[in-house]
Structure formats: C-alpha cells, structure tokens
Amino acid sequence: MGRPGEPGPGGGARGPPVPTYGWEEIRKHCLPTDKWLVMERKVYDISRWAERHPGGSRLISHHAGEDATEAFHAFHQDLGFVRKFLKPLLIGELAPGEPSQDRQQNEQLIEDFRALRRAMEDMKLFEADTKFFSLILGHILLMEGLAWLVIYLLGAGWGPTLLAAVVLAISQAQSWCLQHDLGHVSVFKKSRWNHVGQQFVMGQLKGFSAHWWNFRHFQHHAKPNVFYKDPDVTLAPVFLLGESSVEYGKKKRRYLPYNHQHQYFFLIGPPLLTLVNFEVENLAYMLVCMKWADLLWALSFYVRFFTCYVPFYGILGTLLFFILVRVLESHWFVWITQMNHLPRDIGSEKHRDWVSGQLKATCNVQPSLFVDWFCGHLNFQIEHHLFPTMPRHNYHKIAPLVKSLCAKHGLSYEVKPFAQALMDIVGTLKKSGDAWLEAYLHE
C-alpha cells in the first residue's frame, strides 16, 4: 500500500485513507440527531437522510448504532439501486480488527443464514408467480360480488344480512393478506406498479392508506416484539405484555385491572381494533402526512360501499352493516396476526442478530389447505419474518431448510396446532397480568 497521493497501480493518485471506526465508537451514534449504522462493514451517517428514507425515518433509525446488513438485504430487492443512495452517506469502514457484528453475535449462524439466502436466490424462490396473486385477487372480488348478490336475491333480512357480512369480512381478511403481499413482494417487475396495486387493494377494497400500513408494518418486521420499536406490541397502558408487566407493577401503575386483561381483551381487543383504533390512526396519518392520494383511494371505498348497500338498508342501516363487517373483520385480524407473536418473547431491545431476533418473536402454526388459505399463509410466520420479500407460495418449500438451520444452531423452531395458537393469546395475557399483580403487591 502506498502513501496517500502516491501513484496507484493504474498510474492515478491514491485518495485519502478511509476512516475506520470501532464498535465502541459506532454504538454512541444512536441519538435522534446523530445516527450511524453499519452495512457490509461500511459505516454510514444517516442523521439527516433518515427523514427521506422511503420506508420512514423510524424504520431505519431503529438500527442506529448497529449492524443493519441482514435488514438491508431483507427489505430491499434491488440492492444495486439502493446502494446509489448510500454512497453520499458513507463516512468510513469498520476497523480491520473489528468483527462484522457487534455484541458477541453468532458469526457462524449469520454466515450459514447468508448461505441459505444465496441458495434460495439461486433457486429463484424470491420470484413471484403472478398467476397465484391474480387468483387471490379474483377470489376476493368474487366474494365482494357474492355478498351483494346474497342481499339482492334474498332480501335485507337478518339471515341474508349476517351471511353477507360474514362473506364480506372474509373478503376483507383476504384483502389484508393480499395488500400485505404487495407491500413486501415484487409481484410486478416495476416496484411502482406494486405500490399502485397495494393502494388499490388497501384503499379501494379496504378504505385504508397503503403508506400508513407500510409505516407501521415495516417497523414490526425490523424489530418484532421490541417495545417502542414494534407498534404491534407497544400497547401499554391498555394491555401489558412481557417485560412491561413487571415494570408497571414495580412502579405501582394501575390504569386498568391488568390481572383481568385476558377478560376485557374480548371486549376491546378483537371487536374494536380495525373499527376504532385503525380507523382513527389511519385517518390521522393521512391528514398529518398529507397523503392525499391515499385519502382519495380510501374515500373511493366508502363511496362504493354506500352506493352498493344504501338501496337495501338506507344510510343508517348501511352504516350499521359496515360496523358489523368491520367487527367481524377485526376478530380475524387480531387472532390471526397475533397468534404467532404475543405468546413469544416480548421486551426491550436486546440487539440480537437478525435470525435470533426474528425467531425469538415468531412461531408457526401447523399448515393445512384451510389454515393456509384462511391465514393467508401467515401461519408460516418464521419464514415470512426471515425472508419478508419472498412470495408466500414458496414458504412451504423453504420451511424444512429453515428448520434445519435452527436445529444446527440450537434455535427454537416452534410449530403449534391452530387452536392452541389461538388459546395461547389469552394465556399470554393472563400470564402477563398475573406478573403485573405479583410485582404490584410486592413490597
């Protein structure tokens, strides 16, 4: 190696030496106005750029002061394109003597996981089958039409109304799954069309904002079951989960009778999540962030819904019918999305490696034709969290390979029966409530 300014092998002058940093220095840069992260042993200063990050500033900021290599590969499919945006942010590299990962993470596990990912890329398992997703959309639209047809043919009595509401709720549940796919997977070759597809499904078929959902959901994937980083488990003071139970108990906080949260969960959890919490949060996000295109898409849902059902029920009756559908849909959303996460490890940031962090927060539910369809393949939650950009029709192909990786490194690969997974949600709430009460009463 020559000195800076001396001719290089090609005859040109060498540039200044690249600054190098150790993990002790990098860990300090995890503040709101001072954020560094490491990817592929390169150090980037994202302090100002984080606000322009397409996935949201919170998502990328959750990795400040850490190695984000696995997250970088997990969330981005066109890495070459993304690296163009990273070049101006590069400030140095890890010092030669520093390990690629901080905090004594399992280097062999990380290497084995990367090899597994490369093998899956070679097998083209990250390529989506457009016909599969077209069939999913087709059966959603079919159910939408079937619900209207039931009322048109049978009338607006209690029986047809309830049947139509159930069909619509299932359609809404499947729409959640499809828009979730479009947010993660390159169903279309051009990412712009992916987003347009997600806006259509999320907006026209559901009445929500695609940007709002991605803002929430990608944080969940980056740091699942980590308080203040995963919005799905930051539920205090309404519900206490994991470590927050003991923390609230020790501080003598009692906003609600948490030892009974497994009971009041049935009153305010499944019935009201999409009807109240999501509706309010979604509208506030669109207005505050000025997502006017999303707002128009959402309005198109309500225009269509009321246009279809006002002739049968009138305005008030249609509003009540909408509430019924949302309540049924909300039950599906809570039970199906939380059966893989709430019974797992929930707590503060542990700075685990990508594989260990995802496995600690997820479990699978035994597959079957019905469960796969009803859950939208979210029963393969382990595979989905490890490889979020992989289309769901390939989860069953990679599950044995992931299971083998876990067995090699002594990691838990938990698979539950469907009914047991649902019951474990209630059991987890009761366990957390009891932990709060014990800490609360302890002197």
Protein backbone atom coordinates (compact mmCIF):
# COMPACT_ATOMS: atom_id res chain seq x y z
CA MET A 1 0.00 0.00 0.00
CA GLY A 2 1.42 3.36 -0.95
CA ARG A 3 1.04 6.61 0.93
CA PRO A 4 -1.85 8.96 0.06
CA GLY A 5 -1.04 10.95 -3.07
CA GLU A 6 1.45 8.38 -4.45
CA PRO A 7 0.66 6.81 -7.84
CA GLY A 8 -1.53 3.76 -7.62
CA PRO A 9 -1.20 0.57 -9.68
CA GLY A 10 -3.13 2.17 -12.56
CA GLY A 11 -0.99 5.30 -12.54
CA GLY A 12 -3.55 7.55 -10.81
CA ALA A 13 -3.05 9.17 -7.42
CA ARG A 14 -4.48 7.38 -4.42
CA GLY A 15 -7.19 9.15 -2.45
CA PRO A 16 -7.02 9.91 1.24
CA PRO A 17 -7.17 6.92 3.60
CA VAL A 18 -10.65 5.73 4.51
CA PRO A 19 -11.51 6.47 8.15
CA THR A 20 -12.04 3.38 10.29
CA TYR A 21 -14.20 3.00 13.39
CA GLY A 22 -14.65 0.52 16.19
CA TRP A 23 -17.96 -0.70 17.60
CA GLU A 24 -17.43 1.25 20.81
CA GLU A 25 -17.49 4.49 18.81
CA ILE A 26 -20.33 3.40 16.49
CA ARG A 27 -22.65 2.45 19.38
CA LYS A 28 -22.58 6.07 20.61
CA HIS A 29 -24.29 7.32 17.43
CA CYS A 30 -27.84 6.19 18.13
CA LEU A 31 -29.39 9.53 19.09
CA PRO A 32 -32.31 11.34 17.40
CA THR A 33 -29.96 13.82 15.71
CA ASP A 34 -26.88 11.60 15.41
CA LYS A 35 -27.35 8.21 13.73
CA TRP A 36 -24.76 5.89 12.25
CA LEU A 37 -25.26 2.37 11.02
CA VAL A 38 -23.10 -0.36 9.54
CA MET A 39 -23.84 -2.37 6.41
CA GLU A 40 -21.42 -4.84 4.87
CA ARG A 41 -18.64 -3.42 7.11
CA LYS A 42 -19.17 0.11 5.78
CA VAL A 43 -20.18 2.91 8.16
CA TYR A 44 -22.88 5.38 7.11
CA ASP A 45 -24.05 8.61 8.72
CA ILE A 46 -27.85 8.70 8.20
CA SER A 47 -28.55 11.55 10.64
CA ARG A 48 -30.06 13.90 8.06
CA TRP A 49 -31.04 11.40 5.39
CA ALA A 50 -33.23 9.30 7.69
CA GLU A 51 -36.14 11.70 7.21
CA ARG A 52 -36.06 10.98 3.48
CA HIS A 53 -35.87 7.22 3.84
CA PRO A 54 -38.70 5.73 1.70
CA GLY A 55 -39.56 3.24 4.44
CA GLY A 56 -39.84 6.00 7.04
CA SER A 57 -37.32 7.55 9.38
CA ARG A 58 -38.32 5.36 12.32
CA LEU A 59 -37.65 2.14 10.46
CA ILE A 60 -34.05 2.92 9.56
CA SER A 61 -33.42 4.75 12.85
CA HIS A 62 -34.23 1.59 14.82
CA HIS A 63 -30.89 0.21 13.58
CA ALA A 64 -28.79 3.25 14.55
CA GLY A 65 -25.53 2.25 16.22
CA GLU A 66 -25.87 -1.33 14.93
CA ASP A 67 -25.02 -3.59 12.04
CA ALA A 68 -28.00 -3.49 9.66
CA THR A 69 -26.65 -5.78 6.93
CA GLU A 70 -29.30 -8.50 7.27
CA ALA A 71 -32.14 -5.97 7.49
CA PHE A 72 -30.73 -4.22 4.40
CA HIS A 73 -30.89 -7.46 2.42
CA ALA A 74 -34.23 -8.48 3.89
CA PHE A 75 -36.13 -5.31 2.95
CA HIS A 76 -34.54 -4.40 -0.40
CA GLN A 77 -34.68 -6.47 -3.56
CA ASP A 78 -32.72 -4.20 -5.91
CA LEU A 79 -29.61 -3.73 -3.78
CA GLY A 80 -27.62 -2.09 -6.57
CA PHE A 81 -30.22 0.66 -6.90
CA VAL A 82 -30.31 1.30 -3.15
CA ARG A 83 -26.53 1.45 -2.86
CA LYS A 84 -26.54 4.51 -5.13
CA PHE A 85 -28.33 6.43 -2.38
CA LEU A 86 -25.87 5.19 0.22
CA LYS A 87 -22.70 6.45 -1.46
CA PRO A 88 -23.02 10.08 -0.26
CA LEU A 89 -23.67 8.84 3.29
CA LEU A 90 -20.51 6.74 3.54
CA ILE A 91 -18.12 8.02 6.20
CA GLY A 92 -15.79 5.06 6.73
CA GLU A 93 -15.42 1.38 7.44
CA LEU A 94 -15.09 -0.96 10.36
CA ALA A 95 -11.54 -1.15 11.62
CA PRO A 96 -9.73 -4.28 10.34
CA GLY A 97 -9.63 -5.84 13.78
CA GLU A 98 -13.34 -5.37 14.47
CA PRO A 99 -15.82 -8.24 13.97
CA SER A 100 -18.51 -7.72 11.34
CA GLN A 101 -21.18 -7.94 14.03
CA ASP A 102 -21.32 -6.25 17.40
CA ARG A 103 -22.18 -7.62 20.85
CA GLN A 104 -20.79 -11.16 20.53
CA GLN A 105 -23.34 -12.29 17.96
CA ASN A 106 -23.03 -15.78 16.49
CA GLU A 107 -20.88 -15.26 13.41
CA GLN A 108 -21.32 -18.83 12.15
CA LEU A 109 -25.12 -18.55 12.36
CA ILE A 110 -25.01 -15.34 10.34
CA GLU A 111 -22.77 -16.91 7.70
CA ASP A 112 -25.00 -20.00 7.45
CA PHE A 113 -28.08 -17.80 7.10
CA ARG A 114 -26.45 -15.79 4.31
CA ALA A 115 -25.52 -19.01 2.53
CA LEU A 116 -29.12 -20.18 2.85
CA ARG A 117 -30.37 -16.93 1.38
CA ARG A 118 -27.97 -17.20 -1.56
CA ALA A 119 -29.18 -20.75 -2.20
CA MET A 120 -32.79 -19.56 -2.22
CA GLU A 121 -31.91 -16.78 -4.64
CA ASP A 122 -30.27 -19.34 -6.93
CA MET A 123 -33.46 -21.44 -6.71
CA LYS A 124 -35.42 -18.30 -7.73
CA LEU A 125 -37.64 -18.58 -4.68
CA PHE A 126 -37.88 -14.79 -4.41
CA GLU A 127 -39.66 -14.59 -7.77
CA ALA A 128 -43.42 -14.22 -7.55
CA ASP A 129 -45.97 -16.23 -9.52
CA THR A 130 -48.24 -13.53 -10.96
CA LYS A 131 -50.97 -16.09 -11.67
CA PHE A 132 -51.11 -17.03 -7.99
CA PHE A 133 -51.72 -13.45 -6.88
CA SER A 134 -54.17 -12.88 -9.73
CA LEU A 135 -56.23 -15.80 -8.42
CA ILE A 136 -56.11 -14.33 -4.91
CA LEU A 137 -57.41 -11.00 -6.20
CA GLY A 138 -60.04 -12.78 -8.29
CA HIS A 139 -61.47 -14.71 -5.37
CA ILE A 140 -61.57 -11.53 -3.25
CA LEU A 141 -63.58 -9.72 -5.93
CA LEU A 142 -65.81 -12.78 -6.30
CA MET A 143 -66.64 -12.72 -2.59
CA GLU A 144 -67.34 -8.98 -2.75
CA GLY A 145 -69.83 -9.61 -5.52
CA LEU A 146 -71.31 -12.66 -3.78
CA ALA A 147 -72.08 -10.64 -0.63
CA TRP A 148 -74.03 -8.08 -2.67
CA LEU A 149 -75.78 -10.84 -4.62
CA VAL A 150 -76.95 -12.56 -1.41
CA ILE A 151 -78.79 -9.43 -0.30
CA TYR A 152 -80.06 -8.68 -3.83
CA LEU A 153 -81.57 -12.17 -4.20
CA LEU A 154 -82.61 -12.96 -0.61
CA GLY A 155 -83.52 -9.50 0.68
CA ALA A 156 -82.23 -7.43 3.59
CA GLY A 157 -83.48 -9.65 6.42
CA TRP A 158 -81.35 -10.72 9.39
CA GLY A 159 -80.30 -14.03 7.85
CA PRO A 160 -79.06 -12.71 4.48
CA THR A 161 -77.51 -9.68 6.18
CA LEU A 162 -75.47 -11.83 8.55
CA LEU A 163 -74.42 -14.18 5.74
CA ALA A 164 -73.38 -11.25 3.55
CA ALA A 165 -71.45 -9.67 6.45
CA VAL A 166 -69.53 -12.91 7.04
CA VAL A 167 -68.65 -13.21 3.34
CA LEU A 168 -67.55 -9.56 3.24
CA ALA A 169 -65.49 -9.97 6.42
CA ILE A 170 -63.67 -12.95 4.88
CA SER A 171 -63.11 -10.88 1.74
CA GLN A 172 -61.70 -8.07 3.87
CA ALA A 173 -59.43 -10.53 5.68
CA GLN A 174 -58.09 -11.86 2.39
CA SER A 175 -57.60 -8.26 1.21
CA TRP A 176 -55.39 -7.63 4.26
CA CYS A 177 -53.25 -10.58 3.17
CA LEU A 178 -53.03 -9.50 -0.48
CA GLN A 179 -52.11 -5.89 0.28
CA HIS A 180 -49.57 -7.27 2.75
CA ASP A 181 -48.07 -9.33 -0.09
CA LEU A 182 -47.94 -6.32 -2.42
CA GLY A 183 -46.16 -4.28 0.26
CA HIS A 184 -43.39 -6.88 0.56
CA VAL A 185 -43.12 -8.80 -2.68
CA SER A 186 -42.30 -7.78 -6.26
CA VAL A 187 -45.44 -9.20 -7.81
CA PHE A 188 -44.85 -6.80 -10.71
CA LYS A 189 -41.40 -6.22 -12.18
CA LYS A 190 -41.65 -2.49 -11.58
CA SER A 191 -41.96 -1.52 -7.91
CA ARG A 192 -44.18 1.44 -8.83
CA TRP A 193 -46.88 -0.93 -10.05
CA ASN A 194 -46.51 -2.91 -6.85
CA HIS A 195 -47.35 0.20 -4.88
CA VAL A 196 -50.26 1.10 -7.16
CA GLY A 197 -51.59 -2.42 -6.65
CA GLN A 198 -51.26 -2.07 -2.89
CA GLN A 199 -53.02 1.30 -2.99
CA PHE A 200 -55.89 -0.25 -4.93
CA VAL A 201 -56.30 -3.21 -2.57
CA MET A 202 -55.69 -1.24 0.62
CA GLY A 203 -57.64 1.82 -0.49
CA GLN A 204 -60.43 0.71 -2.82
CA LEU A 205 -61.07 -2.70 -1.22
CA LYS A 206 -60.43 -1.75 2.43
CA GLY A 207 -60.60 2.02 2.93
CA PHE A 208 -57.14 2.40 4.44
CA SER A 209 -53.82 4.03 3.49
CA ALA A 210 -51.06 1.90 1.97
CA HIS A 211 -48.41 4.34 3.28
CA TRP A 212 -49.84 4.15 6.79
CA TRP A 213 -49.75 0.37 6.76
CA ASN A 214 -46.16 0.21 5.50
CA PHE A 215 -45.11 2.78 8.10
CA ARG A 216 -46.45 0.53 10.86
CA HIS A 217 -45.70 -2.86 9.43
CA PHE A 218 -42.10 -2.46 8.36
CA GLN A 219 -41.20 -1.37 11.90
CA HIS A 220 -42.76 -4.58 13.14
CA HIS A 221 -40.55 -6.57 10.77
CA ALA A 222 -37.39 -4.67 11.66
CA LYS A 223 -37.71 -5.14 15.42
CA PRO A 224 -40.53 -7.61 16.17
CA ASN A 225 -41.79 -7.67 19.76
CA VAL A 226 -39.41 -4.89 20.85
CA PHE A 227 -41.07 -2.15 22.92
CA TYR A 228 -41.21 1.32 21.33
CA LYS A 229 -39.89 -0.10 18.05
CA ASP A 230 -42.67 -2.53 17.17
CA PRO A 231 -46.05 -0.73 17.26
CA ASP A 232 -47.87 -4.08 17.43
CA VAL A 233 -46.69 -4.76 20.99
CA THR A 234 -46.42 -1.20 22.34
CA LEU A 235 -49.94 -1.45 23.79
CA ALA A 236 -49.49 -0.06 27.31
CA PRO A 237 -51.32 1.26 29.23
CA VAL A 238 -54.30 -0.67 27.79
CA PHE A 239 -52.58 -4.08 27.74
CA LEU A 240 -49.34 -5.12 29.38
CA LEU A 241 -47.12 -7.67 27.68
CA GLY A 242 -43.85 -9.34 28.59
CA GLU A 243 -41.36 -7.17 30.47
CA SER A 244 -43.74 -4.21 30.69
CA SER A 245 -45.93 -6.19 33.11
CA VAL A 246 -43.29 -6.35 35.83
CA GLU A 247 -42.11 -2.80 35.07
CA TYR A 248 -45.62 -1.36 35.58
CA GLY A 249 -46.08 -3.45 38.72
CA LYS A 250 -42.86 -2.29 40.34
CA LYS A 251 -43.75 1.34 39.61
CA LYS A 252 -47.23 0.80 41.14
CA ARG A 253 -49.00 1.80 37.94
CA ARG A 254 -52.61 0.71 37.74
CA TYR A 255 -54.55 2.41 34.99
CA LEU A 256 -56.63 -0.74 34.45
CA PRO A 257 -57.09 -4.03 36.32
CA TYR A 258 -54.36 -5.76 34.34
CA ASN A 259 -54.81 -9.06 36.16
CA HIS A 260 -58.14 -9.21 34.28
CA GLN A 261 -56.80 -8.09 30.88
CA HIS A 262 -57.33 -11.57 29.45
CA GLN A 263 -61.04 -10.98 30.10
CA TYR A 264 -61.52 -7.37 28.98
CA PHE A 265 -59.44 -8.27 25.91
CA PHE A 266 -62.60 -9.83 24.47
CA LEU A 267 -64.47 -6.53 24.88
CA ILE A 268 -61.97 -4.05 23.44
CA GLY A 269 -59.44 -6.14 21.53
CA PRO A 270 -60.86 -8.25 18.69
CA PRO A 271 -64.11 -6.27 18.22
CA LEU A 272 -62.63 -2.78 18.03
CA LEU A 273 -59.11 -2.88 16.58
CA THR A 274 -59.93 -2.19 12.92
CA LEU A 275 -63.25 -0.46 13.66
CA VAL A 276 -61.85 2.16 16.06
CA ASN A 277 -58.07 2.13 16.51
CA PHE A 278 -57.08 1.54 12.91
CA GLU A 279 -59.72 3.89 11.51
CA VAL A 280 -58.60 6.79 13.73
CA GLU A 281 -54.87 6.13 13.39
CA ASN A 282 -55.17 5.68 9.62
CA LEU A 283 -57.12 8.93 9.10
CA ALA A 284 -54.76 10.90 11.35
CA TYR A 285 -51.74 9.60 9.43
CA MET A 286 -53.16 10.56 6.04
CA LEU A 287 -54.05 14.07 7.21
CA VAL A 288 -50.86 14.79 9.15
CA CYS A 289 -48.57 13.34 6.49
CA MET A 290 -50.71 14.80 3.68
CA LYS A 291 -51.15 11.52 1.81
CA TRP A 292 -53.89 12.90 -0.42
CA ALA A 293 -53.74 10.10 -3.00
CA ASP A 294 -54.27 7.55 -0.22
CA LEU A 295 -57.15 9.62 1.11
CA LEU A 296 -58.84 9.55 -2.30
CA TRP A 297 -58.37 5.81 -2.56
CA ALA A 298 -59.90 5.35 0.91
CA LEU A 299 -62.84 7.61 0.05
CA SER A 300 -63.47 5.52 -3.06
CA PHE A 301 -64.05 2.51 -0.80
CA TYR A 302 -66.75 4.30 1.20
CA VAL A 303 -68.40 5.67 -1.94
CA ARG A 304 -68.59 2.18 -3.41
CA PHE A 305 -69.74 0.55 -0.18
CA PHE A 306 -72.55 3.00 0.48
CA THR A 307 -73.58 3.07 -3.19
CA CYS A 308 -73.96 -0.71 -3.14
CA TYR A 309 -75.90 -1.06 0.12
CA VAL A 310 -77.88 2.16 0.68
CA PRO A 311 -80.61 0.96 -1.74
CA PHE A 312 -81.19 -2.03 0.58
CA TYR A 313 -80.66 -0.53 4.05
CA GLY A 314 -80.75 3.26 3.81
CA ILE A 315 -77.90 5.39 5.15
CA LEU A 316 -78.21 4.44 8.83
CA GLY A 317 -78.74 0.77 8.05
CA THR A 318 -75.73 0.74 5.75
CA LEU A 319 -73.60 2.33 8.48
CA LEU A 320 -74.68 -0.41 10.91
CA PHE A 321 -73.94 -3.04 8.28
CA PHE A 322 -70.47 -1.53 7.78
CA ILE A 323 -69.83 -1.67 11.54
CA LEU A 324 -70.88 -5.33 11.61
CA VAL A 325 -68.46 -6.19 8.81
CA ARG A 326 -65.61 -4.27 10.49
CA VAL A 327 -66.21 -6.03 13.83
CA LEU A 328 -66.13 -9.46 12.18
CA GLU A 329 -63.03 -8.50 10.19
CA SER A 330 -61.36 -7.16 13.33
CA HIS A 331 -61.76 -10.54 15.04
CA TRP A 332 -59.91 -12.21 12.19
CA PHE A 333 -57.15 -9.60 12.21
CA VAL A 334 -56.42 -9.81 15.94
CA TRP A 335 -56.50 -13.58 16.30
CA ILE A 336 -54.62 -14.45 13.10
CA THR A 337 -51.90 -11.80 13.27
CA GLN A 338 -51.20 -12.13 17.00
CA MET A 339 -51.23 -15.90 17.47
CA ASN A 340 -47.68 -16.02 16.07
CA HIS A 341 -46.27 -13.15 18.17
CA LEU A 342 -47.95 -12.43 21.52
CA PRO A 343 -47.04 -15.80 23.05
CA ARG A 344 -43.36 -15.23 22.20
CA ASP A 345 -40.60 -13.16 23.82
CA ILE A 346 -41.66 -9.51 24.27
CA GLY A 347 -39.41 -6.91 25.84
CA SER A 348 -36.78 -4.23 25.44
CA GLU A 349 -34.10 -4.08 22.75
CA LYS A 350 -31.63 -7.00 23.07
CA HIS A 351 -29.57 -6.20 19.95
CA ARG A 352 -29.80 -9.78 18.71
CA ASP A 353 -28.67 -10.86 15.26
CA TRP A 354 -31.36 -10.92 12.55
CA VAL A 355 -32.09 -14.66 12.73
CA SER A 356 -32.22 -14.92 16.52
CA GLY A 357 -34.31 -11.76 16.86
CA GLN A 358 -36.92 -12.96 14.38
CA LEU A 359 -37.12 -16.47 15.85
CA LYS A 360 -37.50 -15.20 19.41
CA ALA A 361 -40.54 -13.18 18.30
CA THR A 362 -42.30 -15.63 15.98
CA CYS A 363 -43.70 -19.13 15.73
CA ASN A 364 -45.54 -21.13 13.07
CA VAL A 365 -48.97 -22.73 13.01
CA GLN A 366 -49.41 -26.19 11.53
CA PRO A 367 -50.26 -25.89 7.84
CA SER A 368 -53.28 -27.33 6.05
CA LEU A 369 -55.21 -26.27 2.97
CA PHE A 370 -57.76 -24.47 5.14
CA VAL A 371 -55.28 -22.86 7.55
CA ASP A 372 -53.01 -21.70 4.71
CA TRP A 373 -55.97 -20.08 2.92
CA PHE A 374 -57.70 -18.69 5.99
CA CYS A 375 -54.49 -17.18 7.37
CA GLY A 376 -53.16 -16.02 4.00
CA HIS A 377 -50.05 -18.15 4.74
CA LEU A 378 -49.34 -16.03 7.82
CA ASN A 379 -49.13 -19.33 9.66
CA PHE A 380 -45.61 -19.54 8.13
CA GLN A 381 -44.58 -16.56 10.21
CA ILE A 382 -41.00 -17.72 10.82
CA GLU A 383 -40.23 -17.97 7.11
CA HIS A 384 -42.04 -14.72 6.39
CA HIS A 385 -40.05 -12.81 9.01
CA LEU A 386 -36.70 -14.22 7.96
CA PHE A 387 -37.40 -13.53 4.27
CA PRO A 388 -40.09 -10.83 4.07
CA THR A 389 -39.67 -10.26 0.32
CA MET A 390 -40.29 -13.91 -0.53
CA PRO A 391 -43.74 -14.66 -2.05
CA ARG A 392 -45.87 -16.73 0.26
CA HIS A 393 -46.44 -19.56 -2.21
CA ASN A 394 -42.82 -20.60 -1.60
CA TYR A 395 -42.90 -20.73 2.21
CA HIS A 396 -43.64 -24.46 2.31
CA LYS A 397 -40.57 -25.09 0.12
CA ILE A 398 -38.15 -23.30 2.43
CA ALA A 399 -39.62 -24.37 5.77
CA PRO A 400 -37.56 -27.63 6.00
CA LEU A 401 -34.38 -25.70 5.20
CA VAL A 402 -35.08 -23.08 7.86
CA LYS A 403 -35.90 -25.82 10.36
CA SER A 404 -32.56 -27.49 9.64
CA LEU A 405 -30.71 -24.22 10.18
CA CYS A 406 -32.43 -23.79 13.53
CA ALA A 407 -31.63 -27.35 14.59
CA LYS A 408 -27.95 -26.87 13.69
CA HIS A 409 -27.67 -23.79 15.93
CA GLY A 410 -29.99 -24.86 18.74
CA LEU A 411 -32.68 -22.28 17.95
CA SER A 412 -36.34 -22.84 18.70
CA TYR A 413 -38.47 -23.55 15.63
CA GLU A 414 -41.90 -23.74 17.22
CA VAL A 415 -44.95 -25.05 15.32
CA LYS A 416 -48.34 -25.10 17.06
CA PRO A 417 -51.77 -26.52 16.29
CA PHE A 418 -54.16 -23.80 15.12
CA ALA A 419 -56.48 -23.99 18.14
CA GLN A 420 -53.55 -23.99 20.57
CA ALA A 421 -52.08 -20.88 18.94
CA LEU A 422 -55.37 -19.02 19.44
CA MET A 423 -55.70 -20.09 23.08
CA ASP A 424 -52.11 -19.06 23.78
CA ILE A 425 -53.04 -15.42 23.09
CA VAL A 426 -55.42 -15.44 26.05
CA GLY A 427 -52.97 -17.44 28.15
CA THR A 428 -50.21 -14.93 27.46
CA LEU A 429 -52.42 -12.01 28.50
CA LYS A 430 -53.32 -13.79 31.72
CA LYS A 431 -49.68 -14.65 32.46
CA SER A 432 -48.61 -11.04 31.92
CA GLY A 433 -51.50 -9.77 34.05
CA ASP A 434 -50.57 -12.11 36.89
CA ALA A 435 -46.94 -10.98 36.68
CA TRP A 436 -48.09 -7.35 36.96
CA LEU A 437 -50.22 -8.12 40.02
CA GLU A 438 -47.43 -10.00 41.77
CA ALA A 439 -44.98 -7.13 41.19
CA TYR A 440 -47.63 -4.56 42.15
CA LEU A 441 -48.36 -6.22 45.51
CA HIS A 442 -44.73 -6.98 46.29
CA GLU A 443 -43.30 -4.58 48.87
